[in-house]
Amino acid sequence: MSLTHFIDYDRPQLSSLNYIEKVDYLEKRLEKILIKPLEEMLNRIKYDKKDHTPVVIFATTICISIEAMGKFLDGNIKEESNKVFKKFISKYMHSDFISQTFDGRLYVDILWSDFRNGLAHCFYIKNGGIEIFSGEFRQYNDKGMHMLEIEPEFLLNDFKNGVNKYLSDLKKSNQNDAIAINFMKIFQDLYVDGK
């Protein structure tokens, strides 16, 4: 079976895939349409000192991808976006997101409200940013503004590691395990049925 990993072309064949083939399909699709382009944007952000224009697309893509992965993990296409976003981060991403606070807010809440929502609704990070520095997170105060900055390579690598852990858990699971049932439900709803 020849698959392109573009849903519209592959949809007629997707229902005939078995569980492991569906996991493999998601893995190859993510690598092709998400991970490789994000890596290309990161290289441009890091090495083209004159032009960091991809940073908004880079950060937006990672934030909405965390949310999408949370849907697969949760299994409920109608679950509130912030819940599935935080669920994926809590289970698969850096523990500082759920253990560290800044200005009385957990990092995961800042990533949701200031990064994800700011980018999705207004094309900017409300407070904070994606900045190149040595480290992972940096708390920053400037002119009375309290901001959390996240290093872009760390953010991408943390997301990629989370995706890889999730895929590994899927591959190790029995089809009757909750993680597998949830994955199959979302795969069916989105990729096969096109809901």
Protein backbone atom coordinates (compact mmCIF):
# COMPACT_ATOMS: atom_id res chain seq x y z
CA MET A 1 0.00 0.00 0.00
CA SER A 2 1.41 3.36 -1.02
CA LEU A 3 0.67 6.17 1.42
CA THR A 4 1.59 9.83 1.01
CA HIS A 5 0.91 10.82 4.65
CA PHE A 6 -1.43 13.54 3.39
CA ILE A 7 -4.89 12.73 4.72
CA ASP A 8 -6.98 13.69 1.69
CA TYR A 9 -4.96 11.39 -0.55
CA ASP A 10 -4.74 8.55 1.95
CA ARG A 11 -8.22 8.59 3.54
CA PRO A 12 -9.71 5.75 1.41
CA GLN A 13 -6.94 3.40 2.59
CA LEU A 14 -6.72 4.39 6.25
CA SER A 15 -9.62 2.31 7.57
CA SER A 16 -7.92 -0.88 6.37
CA LEU A 17 -4.78 -0.25 8.48
CA ASN A 18 -4.35 -2.29 11.64
CA TYR A 19 -3.53 -0.71 15.01
CA ILE A 20 0.28 -0.71 14.64
CA GLU A 21 0.03 0.50 11.04
CA LYS A 22 -2.10 3.42 12.24
CA VAL A 23 0.47 4.31 14.90
CA ASP A 24 3.19 4.06 12.26
CA TYR A 25 1.12 6.26 9.93
CA LEU A 26 0.81 8.98 12.57
CA GLU A 27 4.53 8.77 13.33
CA LYS A 28 5.56 9.10 9.69
CA ARG A 29 2.98 11.83 9.06
CA LEU A 30 4.22 13.88 12.01
CA GLU A 31 7.82 13.54 10.87
CA LYS A 32 6.98 14.61 7.32
CA ILE A 33 4.50 17.43 7.82
CA LEU A 34 5.45 18.73 11.27
CA ILE A 35 8.85 17.81 12.72
CA LYS A 36 11.03 18.38 9.65
CA PRO A 37 9.46 21.79 8.85
CA LEU A 38 9.82 22.84 12.51
CA GLU A 39 13.49 21.84 12.45
CA GLU A 40 13.99 23.93 9.31
CA MET A 41 12.35 26.93 10.99
CA LEU A 42 14.50 26.43 14.10
CA ASN A 43 17.66 26.50 11.97
CA ARG A 44 16.56 29.75 10.42
CA ILE A 45 15.72 31.25 13.82
CA LYS A 46 19.05 30.20 15.30
CA TYR A 47 21.44 30.84 12.45
CA ASP A 48 20.00 33.72 10.44
CA LYS A 49 20.76 36.55 12.85
CA LYS A 50 19.07 39.11 10.61
CA ASP A 51 15.73 37.37 10.19
CA HIS A 52 13.79 35.65 12.95
CA THR A 53 10.44 35.96 11.19
CA PRO A 54 9.61 32.22 11.50
CA VAL A 55 9.44 32.49 15.30
CA VAL A 56 5.69 33.26 15.37
CA ILE A 57 4.86 30.37 13.02
CA PHE A 58 7.31 28.11 14.92
CA ALA A 59 5.78 28.84 18.33
CA THR A 60 2.19 28.74 17.06
CA THR A 61 2.78 25.40 15.36
CA ILE A 62 4.28 23.82 18.47
CA CYS A 63 1.46 25.11 20.68
CA ILE A 64 -1.33 23.86 18.43
CA SER A 65 0.54 20.59 17.94
CA ILE A 66 0.65 20.04 21.71
CA GLU A 67 -3.11 20.55 21.69
CA ALA A 68 -3.57 18.11 18.79
CA MET A 69 -1.44 15.47 20.52
CA GLY A 70 -3.56 15.99 23.61
CA LYS A 71 -6.65 15.07 21.58
CA PHE A 72 -5.06 11.75 20.60
CA LEU A 73 -4.09 11.13 24.22
CA ASP A 74 -7.51 12.08 25.60
CA GLY A 75 -9.65 10.41 22.93
CA ASN A 76 -12.40 13.01 23.07
CA ILE A 77 -12.57 15.28 20.05
CA LYS A 78 -14.88 17.67 21.93
CA GLU A 79 -12.84 17.99 25.13
CA GLU A 80 -11.87 21.54 26.02
CA SER A 81 -8.67 22.52 24.26
CA ASN A 82 -6.90 23.78 27.38
CA LYS A 83 -7.52 20.47 29.15
CA VAL A 84 -6.01 18.29 26.41
CA PHE A 85 -3.13 20.76 25.96
CA LYS A 86 -2.27 20.53 29.66
CA LYS A 87 -2.86 16.77 29.74
CA PHE A 88 -0.26 16.14 27.04
CA ILE A 89 2.26 18.47 28.68
CA SER A 90 1.69 16.92 32.12
CA LYS A 91 2.28 13.40 30.85
CA TYR A 92 4.93 13.84 28.18
CA MET A 93 6.80 17.12 28.41
CA HIS A 94 9.33 18.74 30.77
CA SER A 95 8.26 18.59 34.41
CA ASP A 96 9.01 22.30 34.93
CA PHE A 97 5.88 23.11 32.94
CA ILE A 98 3.72 21.68 35.71
CA SER A 99 5.97 22.29 38.72
CA GLN A 100 7.44 25.77 38.22
CA THR A 101 5.66 29.06 38.65
CA PHE A 102 6.30 32.62 37.65
CA ASP A 103 4.30 35.54 38.93
CA GLY A 104 1.98 33.08 40.71
CA ARG A 105 1.19 31.04 37.58
CA LEU A 106 2.36 27.60 36.51
CA TYR A 107 4.52 27.56 33.38
CA VAL A 108 1.90 25.35 31.66
CA ASP A 109 -0.76 28.01 32.31
CA ILE A 110 1.54 30.70 30.89
CA LEU A 111 2.24 28.55 27.84
CA TRP A 112 -1.50 28.14 27.33
CA SER A 113 -2.76 31.66 27.96
CA ASP A 114 0.14 33.90 26.94
CA PHE A 115 1.76 31.79 24.22
CA ARG A 116 -0.92 29.56 22.67
CA ASN A 117 -3.87 31.94 23.06
CA GLY A 118 -1.87 35.06 22.25
CA LEU A 119 -0.52 33.46 19.08
CA ALA A 120 -3.79 31.82 18.02
CA HIS A 121 -5.95 34.90 18.57
CA CYS A 122 -3.65 37.88 18.09
CA PHE A 123 -0.44 36.69 16.33
CA TYR A 124 1.76 37.54 19.30
CA ILE A 125 2.90 36.15 22.63
CA LYS A 126 1.09 38.26 25.22
CA ASN A 127 3.86 38.27 27.83
CA GLY A 128 7.13 36.51 27.18
CA GLY A 129 8.74 35.11 24.14
CA ILE A 130 10.83 32.61 22.29
CA GLU A 131 14.44 33.72 22.71
CA ILE A 132 17.82 32.14 22.11
CA PHE A 133 19.76 31.85 25.37
CA SER A 134 21.63 29.28 27.39
CA GLY A 135 19.02 27.27 29.29
CA GLU A 136 15.41 26.22 28.95
CA PHE A 137 13.27 28.83 30.68
CA ARG A 138 14.09 32.36 31.74
CA GLN A 139 12.01 34.62 33.90
CA TYR A 140 12.31 38.20 32.76
CA ASN A 141 11.13 41.51 34.17
CA ASP A 142 11.22 44.61 32.02
CA LYS A 143 9.47 47.91 32.63
CA GLY A 144 7.03 46.33 35.04
CA MET A 145 6.22 43.43 32.70
CA HIS A 146 6.72 39.89 34.01
CA MET A 147 7.56 37.54 31.18
CA LEU A 148 8.53 33.93 30.72
CA GLU A 149 10.94 33.24 27.88
CA ILE A 150 11.47 29.79 26.40
CA GLU A 151 14.50 28.77 24.39
CA PRO A 152 13.31 27.56 20.92
CA GLU A 153 15.58 24.53 20.55
CA PHE A 154 14.60 23.33 24.02
CA LEU A 155 10.88 23.80 23.22
CA LEU A 156 11.11 21.86 19.95
CA ASN A 157 13.22 19.07 21.44
CA ASP A 158 10.92 18.78 24.44
CA PHE A 159 7.89 18.53 22.16
CA LYS A 160 9.62 15.97 19.92
CA ASN A 161 10.65 13.90 22.95
CA GLY A 162 7.06 14.04 24.22
CA VAL A 163 5.71 12.86 20.88
CA ASN A 164 8.27 10.05 20.77
CA LYS A 165 7.36 8.92 24.32
CA TYR A 166 3.68 8.98 23.41
CA LEU A 167 4.28 6.94 20.24
CA SER A 168 6.42 4.50 22.20
CA ASP A 169 3.63 4.09 24.76
CA LEU A 170 1.19 3.42 21.92
CA LYS A 171 3.46 0.79 20.38
CA LYS A 172 3.87 -0.97 23.74
CA SER A 173 0.18 -0.87 24.60
CA ASN A 174 -2.45 -3.50 24.12
CA GLN A 175 -5.34 -2.46 21.88
CA ASN A 176 -7.61 -2.68 24.94
CA ASP A 177 -5.56 -0.16 26.94
CA ALA A 178 -7.07 3.31 27.37
CA ILE A 179 -4.22 5.00 25.46
CA ALA A 180 -4.80 2.73 22.44
CA ILE A 181 -8.59 3.08 22.56
CA ASN A 182 -8.28 6.89 22.74
CA PHE A 183 -5.79 6.96 19.86
CA MET A 184 -7.98 4.73 17.67
CA LYS A 185 -11.06 6.87 18.42
CA ILE A 186 -9.35 10.11 17.34
CA PHE A 187 -7.66 8.44 14.34
CA GLN A 188 -11.08 7.20 13.20
CA ASP A 189 -12.86 10.49 13.87
CA LEU A 190 -10.29 12.75 12.23
CA TYR A 191 -8.33 10.77 9.69
CA VAL A 192 -10.87 8.20 8.49
CA ASP A 193 -14.24 9.95 9.00
CA GLY A 194 -12.95 13.49 8.51
CA LYS A 195 -14.97 15.02 11.36
